[in-house]
Protein backbone atom coordinates (compact mmCIF):
# COMPACT_ATOMS: atom_id res chain seq x y z
CA MET A 1 25.65 -28.88 -57.73
CA PHE A 2 27.98 -29.53 -54.80
CA LYS A 3 26.90 -33.17 -54.57
CA GLU A 4 27.41 -33.71 -58.30
CA LEU A 5 30.87 -32.17 -58.23
CA PHE A 6 31.84 -34.14 -55.13
CA ARG A 7 30.74 -37.38 -56.84
CA LEU A 8 33.03 -36.59 -59.78
CA LEU A 9 36.04 -36.67 -57.49
CA THR A 10 37.82 -39.99 -57.22
CA GLY A 11 38.86 -41.39 -53.84
CA LYS A 12 42.30 -39.89 -54.35
CA GLY A 13 40.79 -36.53 -55.24
CA LYS A 14 38.62 -36.50 -52.13
CA ARG A 15 41.62 -37.36 -49.95
CA SER A 16 43.59 -34.54 -51.56
CA LEU A 17 40.73 -32.11 -50.87
CA ILE A 18 40.57 -33.13 -47.20
CA ILE A 19 44.36 -32.95 -46.81
CA SER A 20 44.36 -29.49 -48.37
CA GLY A 21 41.62 -28.28 -46.02
CA VAL A 22 43.38 -29.66 -42.94
CA PHE A 23 46.71 -28.05 -43.80
CA PHE A 24 45.04 -24.75 -44.66
CA ALA A 25 43.46 -24.92 -41.20
CA LEU A 26 46.89 -25.55 -39.64
CA TYR A 27 48.22 -22.62 -41.66
CA GLY A 28 45.49 -20.36 -40.27
CA LEU A 29 46.01 -21.59 -36.71
CA SER A 30 49.73 -20.92 -37.05
CA SER A 31 48.97 -17.35 -38.05
CA ILE A 32 46.71 -16.94 -35.01
CA ALA A 33 49.40 -18.41 -32.76
CA MET A 34 51.99 -16.00 -34.17
CA LEU A 35 49.68 -13.07 -33.51
CA ILE A 36 49.14 -14.16 -29.92
CA ILE A 37 52.90 -14.52 -29.39
CA VAL A 38 53.59 -11.07 -30.83
CA PHE A 39 51.04 -9.46 -28.50
CA THR A 40 52.51 -11.44 -25.59
CA ILE A 41 55.98 -10.08 -26.41
CA LEU A 42 54.63 -6.53 -26.57
CA PHE A 43 52.87 -6.88 -23.21
CA HIS A 44 56.09 -8.19 -21.63
CA ILE A 45 58.12 -5.33 -23.13
CA PHE A 46 55.65 -2.74 -21.82
CA ALA A 47 55.85 -4.44 -18.43
CA GLY A 48 59.60 -3.88 -18.38
CA VAL A 49 60.72 -7.46 -18.98
CA SER A 50 64.20 -7.71 -20.50
CA MET A 51 64.56 -8.82 -24.12
CA GLU A 52 66.95 -11.62 -23.12
CA SER A 53 64.20 -13.42 -21.21
CA LEU A 54 61.90 -13.37 -24.27
CA TYR A 55 64.14 -15.49 -26.51
CA ARG A 56 61.79 -18.50 -26.29
CA TYR A 57 59.01 -16.44 -27.86
CA PHE A 58 61.23 -15.48 -30.80
CA ILE A 59 62.19 -19.13 -31.24
CA ALA A 60 58.49 -20.03 -31.25
CA ILE A 61 57.83 -17.43 -33.97
CA ALA A 62 60.68 -18.83 -36.08
CA VAL A 63 59.30 -22.36 -35.69
CA LEU A 64 55.79 -21.18 -36.63
CA VAL A 65 57.12 -19.46 -39.75
CA ILE A 66 58.62 -22.79 -40.86
CA VAL A 67 55.41 -24.64 -39.97
CA LYS A 68 53.34 -22.12 -41.95
CA GLY A 69 55.58 -22.55 -44.97
CA ILE A 70 55.31 -26.35 -44.85
CA CYS A 71 51.53 -26.25 -44.33
CA ASN A 72 51.07 -23.82 -47.21
CA MET A 73 53.23 -25.98 -49.51
CA VAL A 74 51.39 -29.22 -48.66
CA ALA A 75 47.95 -27.56 -48.89
CA ASP A 76 48.83 -25.96 -52.23
CA MET A 77 49.98 -29.26 -53.76
CA ALA A 78 46.96 -31.14 -52.41
CA LYS A 79 44.44 -28.58 -53.68
CA HIS A 80 45.94 -28.74 -57.18
CA HIS A 81 45.75 -32.54 -57.13
CA ALA A 82 42.06 -32.30 -56.24
CA GLY A 83 41.49 -29.71 -58.99
CA PHE A 84 43.30 -31.78 -61.63
CA ASP A 85 41.36 -34.86 -60.55
CA ILE A 86 37.93 -33.35 -61.19
CA VAL A 87 39.07 -31.68 -64.44
CA GLN A 88 40.28 -35.01 -65.81
CA ASN A 89 37.04 -36.78 -64.89
CA ILE A 90 34.80 -34.06 -66.33
CA ARG A 91 36.71 -33.91 -69.61
CA GLU A 92 36.68 -37.70 -69.97
CA GLN A 93 32.90 -37.76 -69.51
CA MET A 94 32.42 -34.81 -71.88
CA ILE A 95 34.48 -36.49 -74.60
CA ILE A 96 32.49 -39.70 -74.23
CA ARG A 97 29.26 -37.69 -74.43
CA LEU A 98 30.40 -35.66 -77.47
CA LYS A 99 31.12 -38.87 -79.40
CA LYS A 100 27.44 -39.84 -79.06
CA PHE A 101 26.12 -36.70 -80.79
CA SER A 102 25.26 -36.73 -84.47
CA LEU A 103 27.18 -34.75 -87.09
CA GLY A 104 24.25 -32.37 -87.29
CA PHE A 105 24.93 -31.25 -83.74
CA TYR A 106 28.39 -29.99 -84.70
CA THR A 107 26.93 -28.28 -87.76
CA ASN A 108 24.31 -26.39 -85.79
CA GLU A 109 26.32 -25.65 -82.63
CA ARG A 110 29.11 -23.07 -82.50
CA LEU A 111 32.46 -24.84 -82.39
CA GLY A 112 33.93 -21.98 -80.40
CA GLU A 113 31.29 -22.47 -77.71
CA ILE A 114 32.04 -26.21 -77.46
CA ASN A 115 35.76 -25.48 -77.24
CA THR A 116 35.22 -22.86 -74.52
CA VAL A 117 33.04 -25.15 -72.43
CA LEU A 118 35.56 -28.00 -72.77
CA HIS A 119 38.46 -25.83 -71.66
CA LYS A 120 37.61 -22.65 -69.75
CA ASP A 121 34.42 -23.81 -68.05
CA VAL A 122 36.00 -27.09 -66.97
CA ASP A 123 39.04 -25.19 -65.66
CA ASN A 124 36.63 -23.10 -63.58
CA MET A 125 35.54 -26.33 -61.88
CA SER A 126 39.17 -26.85 -60.93
CA MET A 127 39.17 -23.39 -59.33
CA VAL A 128 35.96 -24.16 -57.42
CA VAL A 129 37.10 -27.51 -56.05
CA GLY A 130 40.83 -26.91 -55.71
CA HIS A 131 40.85 -23.32 -54.52
CA MET A 132 37.45 -22.43 -53.06
CA TRP A 133 36.42 -25.72 -51.42
CA SER A 134 39.82 -26.37 -49.86
CA ARG A 135 39.98 -22.83 -48.44
CA MET A 136 36.41 -23.03 -47.15
CA LEU A 137 37.08 -26.40 -45.48
CA GLY A 138 40.19 -24.97 -43.84
CA ASP A 139 38.30 -21.85 -42.69
CA PHE A 140 35.48 -23.93 -41.21
CA LEU A 141 37.97 -26.04 -39.28
CA VAL A 142 39.68 -22.91 -37.95
CA VAL A 143 36.33 -21.41 -36.91
CA ALA A 144 35.35 -24.64 -35.14
CA MET A 145 38.65 -24.79 -33.23
CA VAL A 146 38.58 -21.10 -32.31
CA LEU A 147 34.96 -21.38 -31.19
CA THR A 148 35.83 -24.40 -29.04
CA GLY A 149 38.68 -22.46 -27.46
CA LEU A 150 36.45 -19.47 -26.75
CA VAL A 151 33.81 -21.67 -25.14
CA ILE A 152 36.49 -22.99 -22.79
CA LEU A 153 37.99 -19.58 -22.03
CA ASN A 154 35.05 -17.17 -22.22
CA VAL A 155 31.46 -18.12 -23.05
CA TYR A 156 30.44 -14.51 -23.79
CA LEU A 157 33.08 -14.16 -26.49
CA ALA A 158 31.90 -17.46 -27.98
CA VAL A 159 28.31 -16.18 -28.09
CA LEU A 160 29.48 -12.95 -29.73
CA MET A 161 31.32 -14.97 -32.37
CA VAL A 162 28.25 -17.16 -33.05
CA VAL A 163 26.05 -14.07 -33.44
CA SER A 164 28.46 -12.53 -35.96
CA VAL A 165 28.53 -15.67 -38.15
CA PRO A 166 25.13 -15.06 -39.88
CA ILE A 167 26.23 -11.52 -40.75
CA ALA A 168 29.45 -12.83 -42.28
CA LEU A 169 27.53 -15.51 -44.20
CA PHE A 170 25.14 -12.87 -45.56
CA PHE A 171 27.99 -10.78 -46.96
CA LEU A 172 29.61 -13.96 -48.31
CA TYR A 173 26.37 -14.86 -50.09
CA ARG A 174 26.09 -11.38 -51.62
CA THR A 175 29.70 -11.57 -52.78
CA ILE A 176 29.23 -14.99 -54.39
CA LYS A 177 26.09 -13.81 -56.22
CA ALA A 178 27.85 -10.71 -57.53
CA SER A 179 30.83 -12.85 -58.56
CA GLU A 180 28.55 -15.24 -60.47
CA LYS A 181 26.99 -12.34 -62.38
CA VAL A 182 30.38 -10.93 -63.37
CA GLU A 183 31.69 -14.37 -64.37
CA ASN A 184 28.59 -15.09 -66.48
CA GLN A 185 29.04 -11.83 -68.36
CA ASN A 186 32.70 -12.57 -68.91
CA ASN A 187 31.98 -16.12 -70.11
CA ALA A 188 29.28 -14.91 -72.48
CA ALA A 189 31.68 -12.39 -73.99
CA LEU A 190 34.33 -15.12 -74.34
CA LEU A 191 31.89 -17.47 -76.07
CA ASP A 192 30.93 -14.77 -78.57
CA MET A 193 34.56 -13.89 -79.26
CA VAL A 194 35.83 -17.47 -79.66
CA SER A 195 32.87 -18.54 -81.80
CA LEU A 196 33.28 -15.57 -84.13
CA PHE A 197 37.04 -16.13 -84.27
CA VAL A 198 36.51 -19.77 -85.36
CA GLU A 199 34.07 -18.62 -88.02
CA TYR A 200 36.57 -15.96 -89.08
CA VAL A 201 39.38 -18.49 -89.52
CA ARG A 202 37.15 -20.94 -91.38
CA GLY A 203 35.95 -18.17 -93.70
CA ILE A 204 39.36 -16.67 -94.57
CA PRO A 205 39.23 -17.91 -98.22
CA VAL A 206 35.88 -16.18 -98.69
CA LEU A 207 37.13 -13.04 -96.96
CA LYS A 208 40.09 -12.85 -99.32
CA SER A 209 37.69 -12.89 -102.24
CA PHE A 210 35.82 -9.92 -100.77
CA SER A 211 38.71 -7.95 -99.29
CA ASN A 212 36.72 -4.71 -99.23
CA ASN A 213 34.16 -6.11 -96.80
CA LYS A 214 35.36 -5.16 -93.32
CA SER A 215 32.14 -5.94 -91.42
CA LEU A 216 33.41 -9.23 -89.97
CA ASP A 217 36.71 -7.59 -89.00
CA CYS A 218 34.85 -4.85 -87.15
CA ASP A 219 32.54 -7.37 -85.49
CA LEU A 220 35.50 -9.45 -84.30
CA MET A 221 37.29 -6.34 -83.02
CA ARG A 222 34.17 -5.23 -81.17
CA LYS A 223 33.68 -8.61 -79.48
CA THR A 224 37.37 -8.75 -78.57
CA GLU A 225 37.14 -5.34 -76.93
CA LYS A 226 33.99 -6.38 -75.07
CA PHE A 227 35.73 -9.48 -73.72
CA GLY A 228 38.65 -7.33 -72.64
CA GLU A 229 36.32 -4.99 -70.75
CA THR A 230 34.46 -7.80 -68.98
CA SER A 231 37.78 -9.47 -68.11
CA LYS A 232 38.99 -6.26 -66.49
CA VAL A 233 35.78 -6.01 -64.45
CA ALA A 234 36.12 -9.63 -63.34
CA SER A 235 39.78 -9.12 -62.40
CA ARG A 236 38.99 -6.00 -60.38
CA PHE A 237 36.19 -7.85 -58.59
CA LYS A 238 38.47 -10.78 -57.69
CA ALA A 239 41.13 -8.40 -56.42
CA LYS A 240 38.77 -6.76 -53.91
């Protein structure tokens, strides 16, 4: 899946993804540098050093705040460019493919499902490439730089960090699997709701002729409520 998605990116999209990852890494390193400076200031204060002699540390923090803001802005723009790039390519290929299907395909398939795949599912690819991949690339770069620094400063701390990586990857894997399950349930509920809504709109003339029949209204209300419930679960899961 990763190879197929990466192939869908144009050269410009790949460059945007790399730029985003690099600047996210610089953003993370700036945060680490700020934390180190803050602890350095506290150690100096506890040691009885006057505040006047610490001005260079406060200047460094101010500079890092500006650097973090610039890095975040550049990374954010680049990740959206990468996301828009893959969305455009996927939709272009899907439209070309849909033109090749016979009219019977559109009679048998639910139009709401086709519409959902063309919009929401493709937008999810933008989230994967633009948001997840860029962040992961930045995190890997930060880990590599921090690990290199620890190897230089203290080999034992570097070994401890390497040992903790498999544990972190295990919890990351479990989180991704749980997220996929929640997203699949939410997407299934959305497909049902949109498909029934399209059928509802197309069948309004018939419904007006049988105004006493409320079964379709109840079915649509039930599917709408189900989608709302699954959306809340997905939102709570993403917020954790």
